[in-house]
N, C-alpha and C. Protein backbone atom coordinates (compact mmCIF):
# COMPACT_ATOMS: atom_id res chain seq x y z
N UNK A 1 -109.65 -14.32 -25.91
CA UNK A 1 -108.46 -14.95 -26.43
C UNK A 1 -108.52 -16.44 -26.17
N UNK A 2 -108.46 -17.20 -27.21
CA UNK A 2 -108.49 -18.65 -27.09
C UNK A 2 -107.15 -19.16 -26.58
N UNK A 3 -107.17 -20.07 -25.60
CA UNK A 3 -105.94 -20.68 -25.14
C UNK A 3 -105.27 -19.93 -23.99
N UNK A 4 -105.58 -18.68 -23.81
CA UNK A 4 -105.00 -17.92 -22.71
C UNK A 4 -106.13 -17.47 -21.81
N UNK A 5 -106.30 -18.21 -20.71
CA UNK A 5 -107.40 -17.90 -19.80
C UNK A 5 -107.19 -16.60 -19.08
N UNK A 6 -108.25 -15.81 -19.01
CA UNK A 6 -108.15 -14.54 -18.31
C UNK A 6 -109.37 -14.39 -17.42
N UNK A 7 -109.15 -13.79 -16.26
CA UNK A 7 -110.22 -13.49 -15.32
C UNK A 7 -110.36 -11.99 -15.25
N UNK A 8 -111.59 -11.52 -15.06
CA UNK A 8 -111.84 -10.09 -15.01
C UNK A 8 -112.40 -9.71 -13.65
N UNK A 9 -111.80 -8.70 -13.00
CA UNK A 9 -112.26 -8.16 -11.72
C UNK A 9 -112.41 -6.66 -11.91
N UNK A 10 -113.65 -6.21 -12.08
CA UNK A 10 -113.85 -4.79 -12.36
C UNK A 10 -113.18 -4.46 -13.67
N UNK A 11 -112.24 -3.53 -13.64
CA UNK A 11 -111.54 -3.15 -14.85
C UNK A 11 -110.25 -3.93 -15.03
N UNK A 12 -109.86 -4.73 -14.03
CA UNK A 12 -108.65 -5.53 -14.14
C UNK A 12 -108.95 -6.80 -14.91
N UNK A 13 -108.10 -7.11 -15.87
CA UNK A 13 -108.19 -8.38 -16.58
C UNK A 13 -106.88 -9.11 -16.32
N UNK A 14 -106.97 -10.32 -15.76
CA UNK A 14 -105.77 -11.00 -15.29
C UNK A 14 -105.59 -12.36 -15.96
N UNK A 15 -104.35 -12.74 -16.20
CA UNK A 15 -104.00 -14.04 -16.70
C UNK A 15 -104.26 -15.06 -15.58
N UNK A 16 -105.08 -16.08 -15.86
CA UNK A 16 -105.48 -17.05 -14.82
C UNK A 16 -104.30 -17.77 -14.20
N UNK A 17 -103.33 -18.19 -15.00
CA UNK A 17 -102.18 -18.91 -14.47
C UNK A 17 -101.37 -18.02 -13.53
N UNK A 18 -101.13 -16.78 -13.94
CA UNK A 18 -100.40 -15.85 -13.07
C UNK A 18 -101.21 -15.52 -11.82
N UNK A 19 -102.51 -15.41 -11.99
CA UNK A 19 -103.38 -15.12 -10.85
C UNK A 19 -103.29 -16.23 -9.80
N UNK A 20 -103.30 -17.48 -10.24
CA UNK A 20 -103.20 -18.61 -9.31
C UNK A 20 -101.86 -18.58 -8.58
N UNK A 21 -100.78 -18.31 -9.30
CA UNK A 21 -99.45 -18.27 -8.68
C UNK A 21 -99.36 -17.13 -7.67
N UNK A 22 -99.91 -15.97 -8.03
CA UNK A 22 -99.89 -14.82 -7.12
C UNK A 22 -100.76 -15.10 -5.89
N UNK A 23 -101.88 -15.79 -6.11
CA UNK A 23 -102.80 -16.10 -5.00
C UNK A 23 -102.14 -17.05 -4.01
N UNK A 24 -101.20 -17.86 -4.44
CA UNK A 24 -100.45 -18.73 -3.53
C UNK A 24 -99.59 -17.88 -2.58
N UNK A 25 -99.14 -16.72 -3.04
CA UNK A 25 -98.31 -15.82 -2.21
C UNK A 25 -99.16 -14.94 -1.31
N UNK A 26 -100.30 -14.48 -1.83
CA UNK A 26 -101.20 -13.60 -1.07
C UNK A 26 -102.58 -14.23 -1.08
N UNK A 27 -102.96 -14.82 0.04
CA UNK A 27 -104.19 -15.61 0.12
C UNK A 27 -105.47 -14.77 0.06
N UNK A 28 -105.41 -13.55 0.53
CA UNK A 28 -106.60 -12.69 0.56
C UNK A 28 -106.86 -12.10 -0.82
N UNK A 29 -107.99 -12.47 -1.41
CA UNK A 29 -108.32 -11.98 -2.75
C UNK A 29 -108.47 -10.45 -2.76
N UNK A 30 -109.18 -9.84 -1.79
CA UNK A 30 -109.29 -8.37 -1.84
C UNK A 30 -107.92 -7.68 -1.76
N UNK A 31 -107.03 -8.19 -0.91
CA UNK A 31 -105.69 -7.59 -0.81
C UNK A 31 -104.93 -7.79 -2.12
N UNK A 32 -105.03 -8.99 -2.69
CA UNK A 32 -104.34 -9.28 -3.94
C UNK A 32 -104.82 -8.37 -5.07
N UNK A 33 -106.12 -8.23 -5.20
CA UNK A 33 -106.68 -7.39 -6.28
C UNK A 33 -106.28 -5.93 -6.07
N UNK A 34 -106.32 -5.44 -4.83
CA UNK A 34 -105.92 -4.06 -4.56
C UNK A 34 -104.43 -3.85 -4.83
N UNK A 35 -103.61 -4.82 -4.45
CA UNK A 35 -102.17 -4.72 -4.68
C UNK A 35 -101.86 -4.71 -6.18
N UNK A 36 -102.50 -5.59 -6.92
CA UNK A 36 -102.29 -5.63 -8.37
C UNK A 36 -102.74 -4.32 -9.01
N UNK A 37 -103.89 -3.83 -8.60
CA UNK A 37 -104.41 -2.58 -9.15
C UNK A 37 -103.47 -1.41 -8.89
N UNK A 38 -103.00 -1.31 -7.64
CA UNK A 38 -102.09 -0.21 -7.29
C UNK A 38 -100.78 -0.33 -8.05
N UNK A 39 -100.23 -1.55 -8.14
CA UNK A 39 -98.96 -1.74 -8.84
C UNK A 39 -99.12 -1.49 -10.33
N UNK A 40 -100.25 -1.90 -10.90
CA UNK A 40 -100.51 -1.64 -12.32
C UNK A 40 -100.50 -0.14 -12.60
N UNK A 41 -101.14 0.64 -11.74
CA UNK A 41 -101.14 2.11 -11.91
C UNK A 41 -99.72 2.66 -11.84
N UNK A 42 -98.91 2.14 -10.89
CA UNK A 42 -97.53 2.59 -10.78
C UNK A 42 -96.75 2.29 -12.06
N UNK A 43 -96.94 1.09 -12.60
CA UNK A 43 -96.25 0.71 -13.84
C UNK A 43 -96.70 1.58 -15.01
N UNK A 44 -97.98 1.84 -15.10
CA UNK A 44 -98.51 2.70 -16.16
C UNK A 44 -97.92 4.10 -16.06
N UNK A 45 -97.70 4.56 -14.82
CA UNK A 45 -97.15 5.90 -14.60
C UNK A 45 -95.63 5.95 -14.66
N UNK A 46 -95.00 4.85 -15.09
CA UNK A 46 -93.57 4.87 -15.35
C UNK A 46 -92.67 4.18 -14.35
N UNK A 47 -93.23 3.52 -13.35
CA UNK A 47 -92.39 2.80 -12.39
C UNK A 47 -91.66 1.67 -13.10
N UNK A 48 -90.45 1.39 -12.64
CA UNK A 48 -89.64 0.33 -13.25
C UNK A 48 -90.14 -1.03 -12.76
N UNK A 49 -90.38 -1.99 -13.67
CA UNK A 49 -90.82 -3.31 -13.25
C UNK A 49 -89.76 -4.02 -12.40
N UNK A 50 -90.20 -4.82 -11.45
CA UNK A 50 -89.30 -5.59 -10.60
C UNK A 50 -88.90 -6.91 -11.25
N UNK A 51 -89.55 -7.24 -12.36
CA UNK A 51 -89.21 -8.42 -13.16
C UNK A 51 -89.01 -7.96 -14.60
N UNK A 52 -88.24 -8.72 -15.36
CA UNK A 52 -88.01 -8.37 -16.76
C UNK A 52 -89.27 -8.68 -17.57
N UNK A 53 -89.85 -7.68 -18.26
CA UNK A 53 -91.04 -7.94 -19.07
C UNK A 53 -90.75 -9.00 -20.13
N UNK A 54 -91.74 -9.87 -20.39
CA UNK A 54 -91.58 -10.93 -21.37
C UNK A 54 -91.63 -10.40 -22.79
N UNK A 55 -92.27 -9.26 -22.97
CA UNK A 55 -92.33 -8.61 -24.28
C UNK A 55 -92.51 -7.11 -24.06
N UNK A 56 -92.30 -6.35 -25.12
CA UNK A 56 -92.42 -4.90 -25.03
C UNK A 56 -93.84 -4.49 -24.61
N UNK A 57 -94.81 -5.22 -25.11
CA UNK A 57 -96.21 -4.85 -24.85
C UNK A 57 -96.90 -5.75 -23.83
N UNK A 58 -96.12 -6.39 -22.95
CA UNK A 58 -96.74 -7.24 -21.92
C UNK A 58 -97.67 -6.39 -21.06
N UNK A 59 -98.82 -6.93 -20.78
CA UNK A 59 -99.83 -6.24 -19.99
C UNK A 59 -99.27 -5.88 -18.61
N UNK A 60 -99.50 -4.66 -18.18
CA UNK A 60 -98.99 -4.19 -16.87
C UNK A 60 -99.57 -5.02 -15.72
N UNK A 61 -100.80 -5.45 -15.87
CA UNK A 61 -101.43 -6.28 -14.85
C UNK A 61 -100.68 -7.61 -14.74
N UNK A 62 -100.30 -8.19 -15.87
CA UNK A 62 -99.55 -9.45 -15.85
C UNK A 62 -98.16 -9.26 -15.24
N UNK A 63 -97.54 -8.13 -15.49
CA UNK A 63 -96.23 -7.84 -14.88
C UNK A 63 -96.39 -7.78 -13.36
N UNK A 64 -97.43 -7.09 -12.89
CA UNK A 64 -97.68 -6.99 -11.44
C UNK A 64 -97.93 -8.37 -10.84
N UNK A 65 -98.70 -9.20 -11.52
CA UNK A 65 -98.95 -10.55 -11.03
C UNK A 65 -97.66 -11.37 -10.97
N UNK A 66 -96.81 -11.24 -11.97
CA UNK A 66 -95.54 -11.96 -11.97
C UNK A 66 -94.64 -11.46 -10.84
N UNK A 67 -94.65 -10.16 -10.59
CA UNK A 67 -93.86 -9.61 -9.48
C UNK A 67 -94.29 -10.25 -8.16
N UNK A 68 -95.59 -10.40 -7.98
CA UNK A 68 -96.11 -11.02 -6.75
C UNK A 68 -95.78 -12.51 -6.73
N UNK A 69 -96.04 -13.20 -7.83
CA UNK A 69 -95.80 -14.65 -7.91
C UNK A 69 -94.34 -15.00 -7.67
N UNK A 70 -93.44 -14.13 -8.10
CA UNK A 70 -92.01 -14.39 -7.94
C UNK A 70 -91.47 -13.85 -6.61
N UNK A 71 -92.35 -13.31 -5.77
CA UNK A 71 -91.96 -12.85 -4.45
C UNK A 71 -91.24 -11.51 -4.45
N UNK A 72 -91.32 -10.78 -5.53
CA UNK A 72 -90.67 -9.46 -5.62
C UNK A 72 -91.53 -8.36 -5.02
N UNK A 73 -92.82 -8.63 -4.87
CA UNK A 73 -93.77 -7.63 -4.37
C UNK A 73 -94.67 -8.31 -3.35
N UNK A 74 -94.77 -7.72 -2.16
CA UNK A 74 -95.60 -8.28 -1.10
C UNK A 74 -96.48 -7.18 -0.51
N UNK A 75 -97.41 -7.59 0.33
CA UNK A 75 -98.29 -6.64 1.01
C UNK A 75 -98.09 -6.80 2.51
N UNK A 76 -98.10 -5.70 3.22
CA UNK A 76 -98.01 -5.72 4.68
C UNK A 76 -99.28 -5.12 5.24
N UNK A 77 -99.73 -5.67 6.34
CA UNK A 77 -100.90 -5.13 7.03
C UNK A 77 -100.42 -4.54 8.34
N UNK A 78 -100.68 -3.27 8.55
CA UNK A 78 -100.28 -2.58 9.78
C UNK A 78 -101.46 -2.63 10.75
N UNK A 79 -101.48 -3.67 11.58
CA UNK A 79 -102.58 -3.85 12.51
C UNK A 79 -102.65 -2.73 13.55
N UNK A 80 -101.50 -2.16 13.90
CA UNK A 80 -101.51 -1.04 14.83
C UNK A 80 -102.22 0.16 14.23
N UNK A 81 -101.99 0.42 12.95
CA UNK A 81 -102.67 1.54 12.28
C UNK A 81 -104.17 1.30 12.21
N UNK A 82 -104.57 0.06 11.97
CA UNK A 82 -106.00 -0.28 11.93
C UNK A 82 -106.62 -0.04 13.31
N UNK A 83 -105.94 -0.46 14.36
CA UNK A 83 -106.44 -0.27 15.73
C UNK A 83 -106.54 1.22 16.06
N UNK A 84 -105.52 2.01 15.66
CA UNK A 84 -105.57 3.46 15.92
C UNK A 84 -106.75 4.10 15.19
N UNK A 85 -106.99 3.68 13.96
CA UNK A 85 -108.09 4.25 13.19
C UNK A 85 -109.43 3.89 13.83
N UNK A 86 -109.57 2.66 14.29
CA UNK A 86 -110.80 2.25 14.96
C UNK A 86 -111.01 3.04 16.25
N UNK A 87 -109.94 3.23 17.03
CA UNK A 87 -110.04 4.02 18.26
C UNK A 87 -110.45 5.46 17.96
N UNK A 88 -109.86 6.04 16.94
CA UNK A 88 -110.19 7.42 16.55
C UNK A 88 -111.65 7.51 16.12
N UNK A 89 -112.13 6.51 15.41
CA UNK A 89 -113.53 6.49 14.96
C UNK A 89 -114.48 6.43 16.16
N UNK A 90 -114.14 5.60 17.14
CA UNK A 90 -114.98 5.49 18.34
C UNK A 90 -114.97 6.80 19.12
N UNK A 91 -113.78 7.39 19.30
CA UNK A 91 -113.69 8.67 20.03
C UNK A 91 -114.48 9.76 19.31
N UNK A 92 -114.41 9.82 17.99
CA UNK A 92 -115.16 10.81 17.23
C UNK A 92 -116.65 10.60 17.43
N UNK A 93 -117.10 9.36 17.36
CA UNK A 93 -118.52 9.05 17.53
C UNK A 93 -119.01 9.45 18.91
N UNK A 94 -118.21 9.14 19.93
CA UNK A 94 -118.60 9.49 21.29
C UNK A 94 -118.69 11.00 21.49
N UNK A 95 -117.85 11.73 20.80
CA UNK A 95 -117.81 13.18 20.95
C UNK A 95 -118.92 13.87 20.13
N UNK A 96 -119.25 13.35 18.95
CA UNK A 96 -120.12 14.06 18.03
C UNK A 96 -121.55 13.51 17.90
N UNK A 97 -121.76 12.34 18.40
CA UNK A 97 -123.10 11.76 18.26
C UNK A 97 -123.74 11.67 19.64
N UNK A 98 -124.86 12.38 19.79
CA UNK A 98 -125.60 12.36 21.04
C UNK A 98 -126.76 11.38 20.86
N UNK A 99 -126.58 10.14 21.28
CA UNK A 99 -127.57 9.09 21.07
C UNK A 99 -128.87 9.43 21.80
N UNK A 100 -128.81 10.04 22.96
CA UNK A 100 -130.01 10.36 23.73
C UNK A 100 -130.94 11.27 22.95
N UNK A 101 -130.40 12.16 22.12
CA UNK A 101 -131.25 13.10 21.39
C UNK A 101 -132.15 12.39 20.38
N UNK A 102 -131.76 11.21 19.93
CA UNK A 102 -132.60 10.48 18.97
C UNK A 102 -133.82 9.87 19.64
N UNK A 103 -133.74 9.68 20.94
CA UNK A 103 -134.84 9.03 21.66
C UNK A 103 -135.54 9.94 22.65
N UNK A 104 -135.23 11.20 22.62
CA UNK A 104 -135.83 12.14 23.57
C UNK A 104 -137.31 12.31 23.25
N UNK A 105 -138.12 12.33 24.31
CA UNK A 105 -139.56 12.52 24.27
C UNK A 105 -140.18 11.72 23.19
């Protein structure tokens, strides 16, 4: 499309201007792309937009980006959950992996 810049990430195609505005709200590109992808799926499956669509056929990805850019949609990181998962992974490894057996004899 001439005149309307779009960026492509995997299967997501995003409006560059909206992407820049959303990136100002969420600095982490991986988190931003995952949030947009998840929200796009929700919108496709019938979730109500948090912003008024600009047209009947506005791209769901663009709606998700506008929701983020306008501060209607944010991401939270649960650091406690990450720490618990890491601890569980270490405990599982200690219980199930016998390192000595790899170097025996």
